[in-house]
Amino acid sequence: MEVMLLLDALEDILEKAPNLPLSSKSMINKEELQEIIKDIRIKLPDEIKQAQWIKEERQKILIEAKKEAETLKRENEEKLLRIKEDRQRILAEAEKEAEILKKEADRKIQELIDESDIMKKAQEQAKEIIIAAQIDAKKIRLGSKAYADELLAELEKHAAGIIETIRNNRDELKNLKS
């Protein structure tokens, strides 16, 4: 700030001014001091305006950062809700599919039992169908969990980016104070 430099110059003049003999009073150049005081009066309003502008800009940045944080928070909450809804839907579909497969397996088992000459073969096929249905149901459940995890990881990455933006804005604000 130029005002601080002018005040330092004023202070230097006063410190370096020679003392009058047998007195604690100093001899100074009145015109030189008046010129520095005049410069201070000229510069001070500009620096006050600049400080006020910095303060206002800081406030605008803070308000904008808060708005952005609220928007991102709301978006993240909405994404999380959609992820939960998708997960529930996928699990429900997997359970329905497993039930359908089980009923189909039961029906086939009954058909095979009805055919007495190939009963042993029917039992083996029934077991295979049940195992396949269980494997399919397990794959569907695991797939839905993986999907939900993938969506959460994406959300986590997005939130990390937001936090980094906020940190950068705070660092900018700290630098503006200096």
C-alpha atoms as a PDB file:
ATOM      1  CA  MET A   1       0.000   0.000   0.000  1.00  0.00           C
ATOM      2  CA  GLU A   2       1.373   3.372  -0.985  1.00  0.00           C
ATOM      3  CA  VAL A   3      -0.023   5.074   2.108  1.00  0.00           C
ATOM      4  CA  MET A   4       2.120   2.847   4.318  1.00  0.00           C
ATOM      5  CA  LEU A   5       5.216   3.782   2.293  1.00  0.00           C
ATOM      6  CA  LEU A   6       4.383   7.466   2.650  1.00  0.00           C
ATOM      7  CA  LEU A   7       3.914   7.056   6.414  1.00  0.00           C
ATOM      8  CA  ASP A   8       7.276   5.254   6.582  1.00  0.00           C
ATOM      9  CA  ALA A   9       8.897   8.147   4.694  1.00  0.00           C
ATOM     10  CA  LEU A  10       7.299  10.606   7.117  1.00  0.00           C
ATOM     11  CA  GLU A  11       8.609   8.615  10.056  1.00  0.00           C
ATOM     12  CA  ASP A  12      12.115   8.477   8.520  1.00  0.00           C
ATOM     13  CA  ILE A  13      12.169  12.251   8.099  1.00  0.00           C
ATOM     14  CA  LEU A  14      11.195  12.755  11.734  1.00  0.00           C
ATOM     15  CA  GLU A  15      13.798  10.249  12.972  1.00  0.00           C
ATOM     16  CA  LYS A  16      16.596  11.724  10.873  1.00  0.00           C
ATOM     17  CA  ALA A  17      15.773  15.364  11.630  1.00  0.00           C
ATOM     18  CA  PRO A  18      18.633  17.049  13.504  1.00  0.00           C
ATOM     19  CA  ASN A  19      17.918  18.206  17.065  1.00  0.00           C
ATOM     20  CA  LEU A  20      18.183  21.867  17.990  1.00  0.00           C
ATOM     21  CA  PRO A  21      21.048  22.533  20.358  1.00  0.00           C
ATOM     22  CA  LEU A  22      20.155  22.209  24.049  1.00  0.00           C
ATOM     23  CA  SER A  23      16.632  21.048  23.157  1.00  0.00           C
ATOM     24  CA  SER A  24      14.682  17.903  22.445  1.00  0.00           C
ATOM     25  CA  LYS A  25      13.032  19.649  19.511  1.00  0.00           C
ATOM     26  CA  SER A  26      13.991  18.833  15.944  1.00  0.00           C
ATOM     27  CA  MET A  27      14.436  20.918  12.878  1.00  0.00           C
ATOM     28  CA  ILE A  28      12.407  19.617   9.912  1.00  0.00           C
ATOM     29  CA  ASN A  29      11.563  20.726   6.415  1.00  0.00           C
ATOM     30  CA  LYS A  30       7.941  21.806   6.806  1.00  0.00           C
ATOM     31  CA  GLU A  31       7.228  21.817   3.058  1.00  0.00           C
ATOM     32  CA  GLU A  32       8.553  18.274   2.650  1.00  0.00           C
ATOM     33  CA  LEU A  33       6.267  17.012   5.450  1.00  0.00           C
ATOM     34  CA  GLN A  34       3.284  18.886   4.034  1.00  0.00           C
ATOM     35  CA  GLU A  35       3.904  17.324   0.612  1.00  0.00           C
ATOM     36  CA  ILE A  36       3.950  13.807   2.101  1.00  0.00           C
ATOM     37  CA  ILE A  37       0.761  14.520   4.110  1.00  0.00           C
ATOM     38  CA  LYS A  38      -0.891  15.821   0.933  1.00  0.00           C
ATOM     39  CA  ASP A  39       0.104  12.596  -0.906  1.00  0.00           C
ATOM     40  CA  ILE A  40      -1.318  10.523   1.958  1.00  0.00           C
ATOM     41  CA  ARG A  41      -4.635  12.398   1.724  1.00  0.00           C
ATOM     42  CA  ILE A  42      -4.742  11.754  -2.034  1.00  0.00           C
ATOM     43  CA  LYS A  43      -3.847   8.045  -1.823  1.00  0.00           C
ATOM     44  CA  LEU A  44      -5.885   7.097   1.240  1.00  0.00           C
ATOM     45  CA  PRO A  45      -9.369   7.246  -0.387  1.00  0.00           C
ATOM     46  CA  ASP A  46      -8.173   5.082  -3.306  1.00  0.00           C
ATOM     47  CA  GLU A  47      -6.778   2.457  -0.976  1.00  0.00           C
ATOM     48  CA  ILE A  48      -9.933   2.534   1.148  1.00  0.00           C
ATOM     49  CA  LYS A  49     -11.999   2.055  -2.029  1.00  0.00           C
ATOM     50  CA  GLN A  50      -9.707  -0.804  -3.067  1.00  0.00           C
ATOM     51  CA  ALA A  51     -10.045  -2.448   0.348  1.00  0.00           C
ATOM     52  CA  GLN A  52     -13.845  -2.029   0.179  1.00  0.00           C
ATOM     53  CA  TRP A  53     -13.856  -3.575  -3.313  1.00  0.00           C
ATOM     54  CA  ILE A  54     -11.766  -6.518  -2.066  1.00  0.00           C
ATOM     55  CA  LYS A  55     -14.154  -6.966   0.832  1.00  0.00           C
ATOM     56  CA  GLU A  56     -17.181  -6.931  -1.498  1.00  0.00           C
ATOM     57  CA  GLU A  57     -15.536  -9.372  -3.919  1.00  0.00           C
ATOM     58  CA  ARG A  58     -14.691 -11.678  -1.030  1.00  0.00           C
ATOM     59  CA  GLN A  59     -18.331 -11.564   0.079  1.00  0.00           C
ATOM     60  CA  LYS A  60     -19.521 -12.315  -3.467  1.00  0.00           C
ATOM     61  CA  ILE A  61     -17.123 -15.274  -3.708  1.00  0.00           C
ATOM     62  CA  LEU A  62     -18.318 -16.595  -0.352  1.00  0.00           C
ATOM     63  CA  ILE A  63     -21.976 -16.281  -1.350  1.00  0.00           C
ATOM     64  CA  GLU A  64     -21.292 -17.966  -4.689  1.00  0.00           C
ATOM     65  CA  ALA A  65     -19.332 -20.774  -2.999  1.00  0.00           C
ATOM     66  CA  LYS A  66     -22.200 -21.320  -0.546  1.00  0.00           C
ATOM     67  CA  LYS A  67     -24.724 -21.423  -3.393  1.00  0.00           C
ATOM     68  CA  GLU A  68     -22.565 -23.872  -5.328  1.00  0.00           C
ATOM     69  CA  ALA A  69     -22.070 -26.044  -2.259  1.00  0.00           C
ATOM     70  CA  GLU A  70     -25.844 -26.111  -1.614  1.00  0.00           C
ATOM     71  CA  THR A  71     -26.548 -26.949  -5.250  1.00  0.00           C
ATOM     72  CA  LEU A  72     -23.979 -29.734  -5.241  1.00  0.00           C
ATOM     73  CA  LYS A  73     -25.284 -31.041  -1.941  1.00  0.00           C
ATOM     74  CA  ARG A  74     -28.820 -31.128  -3.317  1.00  0.00           C
ATOM     75  CA  GLU A  75     -27.640 -32.800  -6.540  1.00  0.00           C
ATOM     76  CA  ASN A  76     -25.676 -35.388  -4.559  1.00  0.00           C
ATOM     77  CA  GLU A  77     -28.681 -36.105  -2.350  1.00  0.00           C
ATOM     78  CA  GLU A  78     -30.848 -36.542  -5.453  1.00  0.00           C
ATOM     79  CA  LYS A  79     -28.247 -38.860  -7.033  1.00  0.00           C
ATOM     80  CA  LEU A  80     -28.019 -40.891  -3.848  1.00  0.00           C
ATOM     81  CA  LEU A  81     -31.810 -41.227  -3.757  1.00  0.00           C
ATOM     82  CA  ARG A  82     -31.843 -42.361  -7.407  1.00  0.00           C
ATOM     83  CA  ILE A  83     -29.084 -44.867  -6.660  1.00  0.00           C
ATOM     84  CA  LYS A  84     -31.063 -46.263  -3.741  1.00  0.00           C
ATOM     85  CA  GLU A  85     -34.202 -46.443  -5.872  1.00  0.00           C
ATOM     86  CA  ASP A  86     -32.268 -48.185  -8.689  1.00  0.00           C
ATOM     87  CA  ARG A  87     -30.785 -50.642  -6.223  1.00  0.00           C
ATOM     88  CA  GLN A  88     -34.220 -51.446  -4.772  1.00  0.00           C
ATOM     89  CA  ARG A  89     -35.670 -51.862  -8.252  1.00  0.00           C
ATOM     90  CA  ILE A  90     -32.820 -54.127  -9.367  1.00  0.00           C
ATOM     91  CA  LEU A  91     -33.097 -56.235  -6.220  1.00  0.00           C
ATOM     92  CA  ALA A  92     -36.867 -56.538  -6.687  1.00  0.00           C
ATOM     93  CA  GLU A  93     -36.384 -57.556 -10.322  1.00  0.00           C
ATOM     94  CA  ALA A  94     -33.743 -60.094  -9.293  1.00  0.00           C
ATOM     95  CA  GLU A  95     -36.086 -61.581  -6.702  1.00  0.00           C
ATOM     96  CA  LYS A  96     -38.928 -61.758  -9.249  1.00  0.00           C
ATOM     97  CA  GLU A  97     -36.614 -63.413 -11.770  1.00  0.00           C
ATOM     98  CA  ALA A  98     -35.433 -65.888  -9.152  1.00  0.00           C
ATOM     99  CA  GLU A  99     -39.049 -66.695  -8.227  1.00  0.00           C
ATOM    100  CA  ILE A 100     -39.975 -67.208 -11.880  1.00  0.00           C
ATOM    101  CA  LEU A 101     -36.950 -69.463 -12.367  1.00  0.00           C
ATOM    102  CA  LYS A 102     -37.829 -71.424  -9.233  1.00  0.00           C
ATOM    103  CA  LYS A 103     -41.440 -71.914 -10.365  1.00  0.00           C
ATOM    104  CA  GLU A 104     -40.215 -72.981 -13.774  1.00  0.00           C
ATOM    105  CA  ALA A 105     -37.818 -75.409 -12.157  1.00  0.00           C
ATOM    106  CA  ASP A 106     -40.588 -76.784  -9.933  1.00  0.00           C
ATOM    107  CA  ARG A 107     -42.846 -77.239 -12.963  1.00  0.00           C
ATOM    108  CA  LYS A 108     -40.130 -79.017 -14.882  1.00  0.00           C
ATOM    109  CA  ILE A 109     -39.387 -81.212 -11.887  1.00  0.00           C
ATOM    110  CA  GLN A 110     -43.044 -82.159 -11.683  1.00  0.00           C
ATOM    111  CA  GLU A 111     -43.145 -82.946 -15.399  1.00  0.00           C
ATOM    112  CA  LEU A 112     -40.076 -85.124 -15.063  1.00  0.00           C
ATOM    113  CA  ILE A 113     -41.487 -86.916 -12.019  1.00  0.00           C
ATOM    114  CA  ASP A 114     -44.624 -87.670 -14.012  1.00  0.00           C
ATOM    115  CA  GLU A 115     -42.510 -89.519 -16.529  1.00  0.00           C
ATOM    116  CA  SER A 116     -41.704 -92.604 -14.420  1.00  0.00           C
ATOM    117  CA  ASP A 117     -39.281 -94.337 -16.807  1.00  0.00           C
ATOM    118  CA  ILE A 118     -36.829 -91.361 -16.715  1.00  0.00           C
ATOM    119  CA  MET A 119     -37.268 -90.326 -13.080  1.00  0.00           C
ATOM    120  CA  LYS A 120     -33.570 -90.393 -12.223  1.00  0.00           C
ATOM    121  CA  LYS A 121     -32.731 -88.185 -15.156  1.00  0.00           C
ATOM    122  CA  ALA A 122     -35.511 -85.805 -14.186  1.00  0.00           C
ATOM    123  CA  GLN A 123     -34.143 -85.428 -10.679  1.00  0.00           C
ATOM    124  CA  GLU A 124     -30.689 -84.603 -12.004  1.00  0.00           C
ATOM    125  CA  GLN A 125     -32.068 -82.021 -14.424  1.00  0.00           C
ATOM    126  CA  ALA A 126     -34.175 -80.511 -11.668  1.00  0.00           C
ATOM    127  CA  LYS A 127     -31.115 -80.091  -9.483  1.00  0.00           C
ATOM    128  CA  GLU A 128     -29.239 -78.477 -12.349  1.00  0.00           C
ATOM    129  CA  ILE A 129     -32.097 -76.074 -13.010  1.00  0.00           C
ATOM    130  CA  ILE A 130     -32.307 -75.121  -9.340  1.00  0.00           C
ATOM    131  CA  ILE A 131     -28.549 -74.584  -9.163  1.00  0.00           C
ATOM    132  CA  ALA A 132     -28.632 -72.542 -12.395  1.00  0.00           C
ATOM    133  CA  ALA A 133     -31.509 -70.476 -11.012  1.00  0.00           C
ATOM    134  CA  GLN A 134     -29.620 -69.895  -7.785  1.00  0.00           C
ATOM    135  CA  ILE A 135     -26.483 -68.930  -9.705  1.00  0.00           C
ATOM    136  CA  ASP A 136     -28.500 -66.553 -11.921  1.00  0.00           C
ATOM    137  CA  ALA A 137     -30.161 -64.997  -8.879  1.00  0.00           C
ATOM    138  CA  LYS A 138     -26.779 -64.589  -7.186  1.00  0.00           C
ATOM    139  CA  LYS A 139     -25.296 -63.013 -10.339  1.00  0.00           C
ATOM    140  CA  ILE A 140     -28.196 -60.574 -10.524  1.00  0.00           C
ATOM    141  CA  ARG A 141     -27.788 -59.624  -6.846  1.00  0.00           C
ATOM    142  CA  LEU A 142     -24.029 -59.172  -7.247  1.00  0.00           C
ATOM    143  CA  GLY A 143     -24.566 -57.175 -10.420  1.00  0.00           C
ATOM    144  CA  SER A 144     -26.962 -54.816  -8.685  1.00  0.00           C
ATOM    145  CA  LYS A 145     -24.520 -54.335  -5.805  1.00  0.00           C
ATOM    146  CA  ALA A 146     -21.690 -53.629  -8.257  1.00  0.00           C
ATOM    147  CA  TYR A 147     -23.880 -51.125 -10.098  1.00  0.00           C
ATOM    148  CA  ALA A 148     -24.767 -49.337  -6.862  1.00  0.00           C
ATOM    149  CA  ASP A 149     -21.087 -49.291  -5.835  1.00  0.00           C
ATOM    150  CA  GLU A 150     -20.103 -47.869  -9.208  1.00  0.00           C
ATOM    151  CA  LEU A 151     -22.670 -45.079  -8.893  1.00  0.00           C
ATOM    152  CA  LEU A 152     -21.505 -44.305  -5.340  1.00  0.00           C
ATOM    153  CA  ALA A 153     -17.865 -44.193  -6.510  1.00  0.00           C
ATOM    154  CA  GLU A 154     -18.840 -41.726  -9.236  1.00  0.00           C
ATOM    155  CA  LEU A 155     -20.700 -39.624  -6.690  1.00  0.00           C
ATOM    156  CA  GLU A 156     -17.683 -39.737  -4.363  1.00  0.00           C
ATOM    157  CA  LYS A 157     -15.416 -38.554  -7.203  1.00  0.00           C
ATOM    158  CA  HIS A 158     -17.800 -35.699  -8.010  1.00  0.00           C
ATOM    159  CA  ALA A 159     -17.969 -34.665  -4.325  1.00  0.00           C
ATOM    160  CA  ALA A 160     -14.133 -34.710  -4.134  1.00  0.00           C
ATOM    161  CA  GLY A 161     -14.008 -32.326  -7.102  1.00  0.00           C
ATOM    162  CA  ILE A 162     -16.433 -29.994  -5.387  1.00  0.00           C
ATOM    163  CA  ILE A 163     -14.401 -30.038  -2.173  1.00  0.00           C
ATOM    164  CA  GLU A 164     -11.259 -29.234  -4.189  1.00  0.00           C
ATOM    165  CA  THR A 165     -13.066 -26.273  -5.822  1.00  0.00           C
ATOM    166  CA  ILE A 166     -14.122 -25.002  -2.410  1.00  0.00           C
ATOM    167  CA  ARG A 167     -10.547 -25.345  -1.092  1.00  0.00           C
ATOM    168  CA  ASN A 168      -9.227 -23.424  -4.096  1.00  0.00           C
ATOM    169  CA  ASN A 169     -11.805 -20.668  -3.528  1.00  0.00           C
ATOM    170  CA  ARG A 170     -10.819 -20.456   0.131  1.00  0.00           C
ATOM    171  CA  ASP A 171      -7.140 -20.285  -0.837  1.00  0.00           C
ATOM    172  CA  GLU A 172      -7.978 -17.464  -3.258  1.00  0.00           C
ATOM    173  CA  LEU A 173      -9.772 -15.628  -0.513  1.00  0.00           C
ATOM    174  CA  LYS A 174      -6.822 -16.079   1.831  1.00  0.00           C
ATOM    175  CA  ASN A 175      -4.501 -14.701  -0.849  1.00  0.00           C
ATOM    176  CA  LEU A 176      -6.763 -11.689  -1.386  1.00  0.00           C
ATOM    177  CA  LYS A 177      -6.374 -10.758   2.308  1.00  0.00           C
ATOM    178  CA  SER A 178      -2.584 -10.519   1.972  1.00  0.00           C
END
